[in-house]
Protein backbone atom coordinates (compact mmCIF):
# COMPACT_ATOMS: atom_id res chain seq x y z
CA MET A 1 129.32 54.16 151.17
CA GLN A 2 127.53 51.27 152.82
CA TYR A 3 128.68 47.70 152.17
CA ARG A 4 126.48 44.75 153.06
CA SER A 5 125.26 41.33 152.07
CA GLN A 6 121.87 41.40 150.37
CA SER A 7 119.46 38.96 148.77
CA LEU A 8 119.72 38.80 145.00
CA SER A 9 116.04 37.89 144.78
CA ASN A 10 115.09 41.17 146.46
CA HIS A 11 117.47 43.30 144.39
CA LYS A 12 117.46 41.63 140.97
CA ALA A 13 116.24 44.69 139.05
CA GLU A 14 119.00 46.92 140.46
CA VAL A 15 121.66 44.27 139.93
CA ASP A 16 120.48 43.76 136.35
CA VAL A 17 120.84 47.49 135.60
CA LEU A 18 124.34 47.60 137.14
CA MET A 19 125.47 44.44 135.34
CA HIS A 20 124.32 45.75 131.97
CA ARG A 21 125.91 49.14 132.63
CA PHE A 22 129.15 47.47 133.74
CA TYR A 23 129.36 45.13 130.74
CA SER A 24 128.29 47.81 128.23
CA VAL A 25 131.73 49.45 128.37
CA ASP A 26 133.32 46.27 126.99
CA ASP A 27 134.16 47.16 123.39
CA LYS A 28 137.24 44.90 123.30
CA HIS A 29 135.04 41.81 123.30
CA ALA A 30 132.57 42.81 120.61
CA ASP A 31 132.63 39.26 119.21
CA LEU A 32 131.03 37.85 122.35
CA PRO A 33 127.25 37.50 122.49
CA ASP A 34 125.18 40.20 124.16
CA LEU A 35 124.79 39.90 127.90
CA ASP A 36 121.83 37.62 128.66
CA LEU A 37 121.79 36.82 132.38
CA ASP A 38 120.31 33.49 133.45
CA TRP A 39 118.38 34.72 136.48
CA ASP A 40 116.83 31.30 137.08
CA HIS A 41 120.32 29.88 137.52
CA TYR A 42 121.30 32.61 139.98
CA HIS A 43 118.07 32.16 141.95
CA ALA A 44 118.65 28.40 142.13
CA LEU A 45 122.13 29.03 143.55
CA GLU A 46 120.68 31.45 146.08
CA ALA A 47 118.01 28.91 147.09
CA GLN A 48 120.84 26.43 147.80
CA ASP A 49 122.58 29.08 149.96
CA ILE A 50 125.68 29.00 147.76
CA LEU A 51 125.41 32.52 146.35
CA LEU A 52 126.66 35.63 148.14
CA LEU A 53 125.83 39.14 146.94
CA VAL A 54 127.71 42.00 148.59
CA THR A 55 126.61 45.48 147.60
CA ALA A 56 128.02 48.99 147.79
CA ARG A 57 125.43 51.75 148.13
CA ASP A 58 125.88 55.49 148.12
CA PRO A 59 124.29 57.74 150.80
CA GLU A 60 121.03 57.84 148.77
CA ASP A 61 120.97 54.00 148.76
CA LYS A 62 121.81 53.76 145.04
CA LEU A 63 123.54 50.52 144.08
CA VAL A 64 126.97 51.59 142.80
CA GLY A 65 128.91 48.35 143.14
CA MET A 66 128.52 44.65 143.79
CA ASN A 67 130.41 41.46 144.26
CA LEU A 68 128.70 38.16 143.46
CA TYR A 69 130.20 34.85 144.59
CA ILE A 70 129.35 31.21 144.00
CA ILE A 71 130.43 29.10 146.98
CA GLY A 72 131.30 25.43 146.87
CA ALA A 73 133.87 22.73 146.49
CA HIS A 74 136.72 23.02 144.03
CA PRO A 75 137.10 19.85 141.97
CA HIS A 76 140.88 19.89 142.52
CA TYR A 77 140.77 20.62 146.27
CA LYS A 78 137.85 18.66 147.66
CA ASN A 79 138.58 19.31 151.35
CA ASP A 80 138.40 23.09 151.15
CA LYS A 81 135.45 25.41 150.55
CA TRP A 82 136.03 27.94 147.76
CA ALA A 83 134.20 31.06 146.63
CA PHE A 84 134.41 31.94 142.95
CA CYS A 85 133.72 35.55 142.10
CA ASP A 86 131.15 35.62 139.33
CA THR A 87 131.17 39.41 139.05
CA LEU A 88 132.89 42.34 140.69
CA ALA A 89 131.21 45.40 139.19
CA VAL A 90 131.46 49.07 140.00
CA ASP A 91 129.33 51.61 138.18
CA PRO A 92 131.60 53.36 135.64
CA ASP A 93 130.71 56.75 137.18
CA TYR A 94 132.04 55.60 140.57
CA ARG A 95 135.32 53.93 139.57
CA GLY A 96 138.59 55.05 141.10
CA GLN A 97 137.12 55.63 144.57
CA GLY A 98 138.24 52.36 146.20
CA ILE A 99 134.76 50.80 146.01
CA GLY A 100 136.00 47.60 144.34
CA LYS A 101 138.76 47.20 146.91
CA THR A 102 136.35 47.69 149.81
CA LEU A 103 133.84 45.29 148.23
CA VAL A 104 136.50 42.58 148.02
CA LYS A 105 137.66 43.18 151.61
CA SER A 106 134.08 43.18 152.93
CA SER A 107 133.27 40.06 150.95
CA MET A 108 136.31 38.20 152.29
CA LEU A 109 135.11 38.75 155.86
CA LEU A 110 131.62 37.47 155.03
CA LEU A 111 133.00 34.49 153.11
CA LYS A 112 135.27 33.56 155.99
CA GLU A 113 132.24 33.60 158.30
CA ARG A 114 130.63 31.08 155.93
CA GLY A 115 133.61 28.72 156.20
CA VAL A 116 135.26 29.62 152.90
CA ARG A 117 139.01 29.01 152.87
CA TYR A 118 139.91 30.34 149.41
CA THR A 119 138.39 32.85 147.04
CA ALA A 120 139.14 33.18 143.33
CA HIS A 121 138.67 36.28 141.20
CA GLY A 122 138.96 36.81 137.48
CA TYR A 123 140.00 40.07 135.91
CA ARG A 124 138.44 41.61 132.80
CA ALA A 125 141.25 42.30 130.36
CA LEU A 126 139.60 45.39 128.89
CA TYR A 127 140.68 47.74 131.66
CA ASN A 128 143.96 49.60 131.39
CA THR A 129 144.69 49.36 135.08
CA GLU A 130 146.57 46.95 137.29
CA PRO A 131 144.23 44.47 138.96
CA LEU A 132 143.76 45.23 142.65
CA PHE A 133 143.99 41.58 143.67
CA THR A 134 147.76 41.33 144.09
CA ARG A 135 147.65 44.42 146.33
CA LEU A 136 145.15 42.53 148.51
CA GLY A 137 147.37 39.45 148.83
CA PHE A 138 145.98 37.32 146.00
CA MET A 139 148.34 35.22 143.89
CA VAL A 140 147.94 34.57 140.17
CA MET A 141 146.73 31.00 139.70
CA ASP A 142 145.19 30.90 136.22
CA HIS A 143 144.54 32.98 133.13
CA THR A 144 141.38 32.38 131.12
CA TYR A 145 141.24 32.43 127.33
CA VAL A 146 137.99 32.38 125.36
CA LYS A 147 137.41 31.27 121.77
CA GLU A 148 134.15 30.85 119.91
CA LEU A 149 133.84 27.43 118.31
CA VAL A 150 132.16 27.92 114.97
């Protein structure tokens, strides 16, 4: 596997396929709207140099995993730069091979080079596995709950 930072603008089509494949296995959240990515928003973040895409590619250069971060200030900790993981996705056919773990480790090195002090990751509740984040030294800070307001 090769892990590297890449431009979202140059790899949007591949990322779109992976994101849709990744989110398509989510049958626990059937009440949520269909995935409809706001590519203009992502491109605006990239143009401001506050978006980091780290990819995992197999030997044939197929995109099999990605980590996408938004970098900036945290409203509660204004003196520290944070990176918020928007998506950590591994192709369902490639799960269980340590790709997600290596993506996070690779990303942390790149984020540190960019002056990031803290990184925050969410965890999709649909998986029946223990999140890898505590094994990588992360602490639980928040849980997120979602409710549609109708």
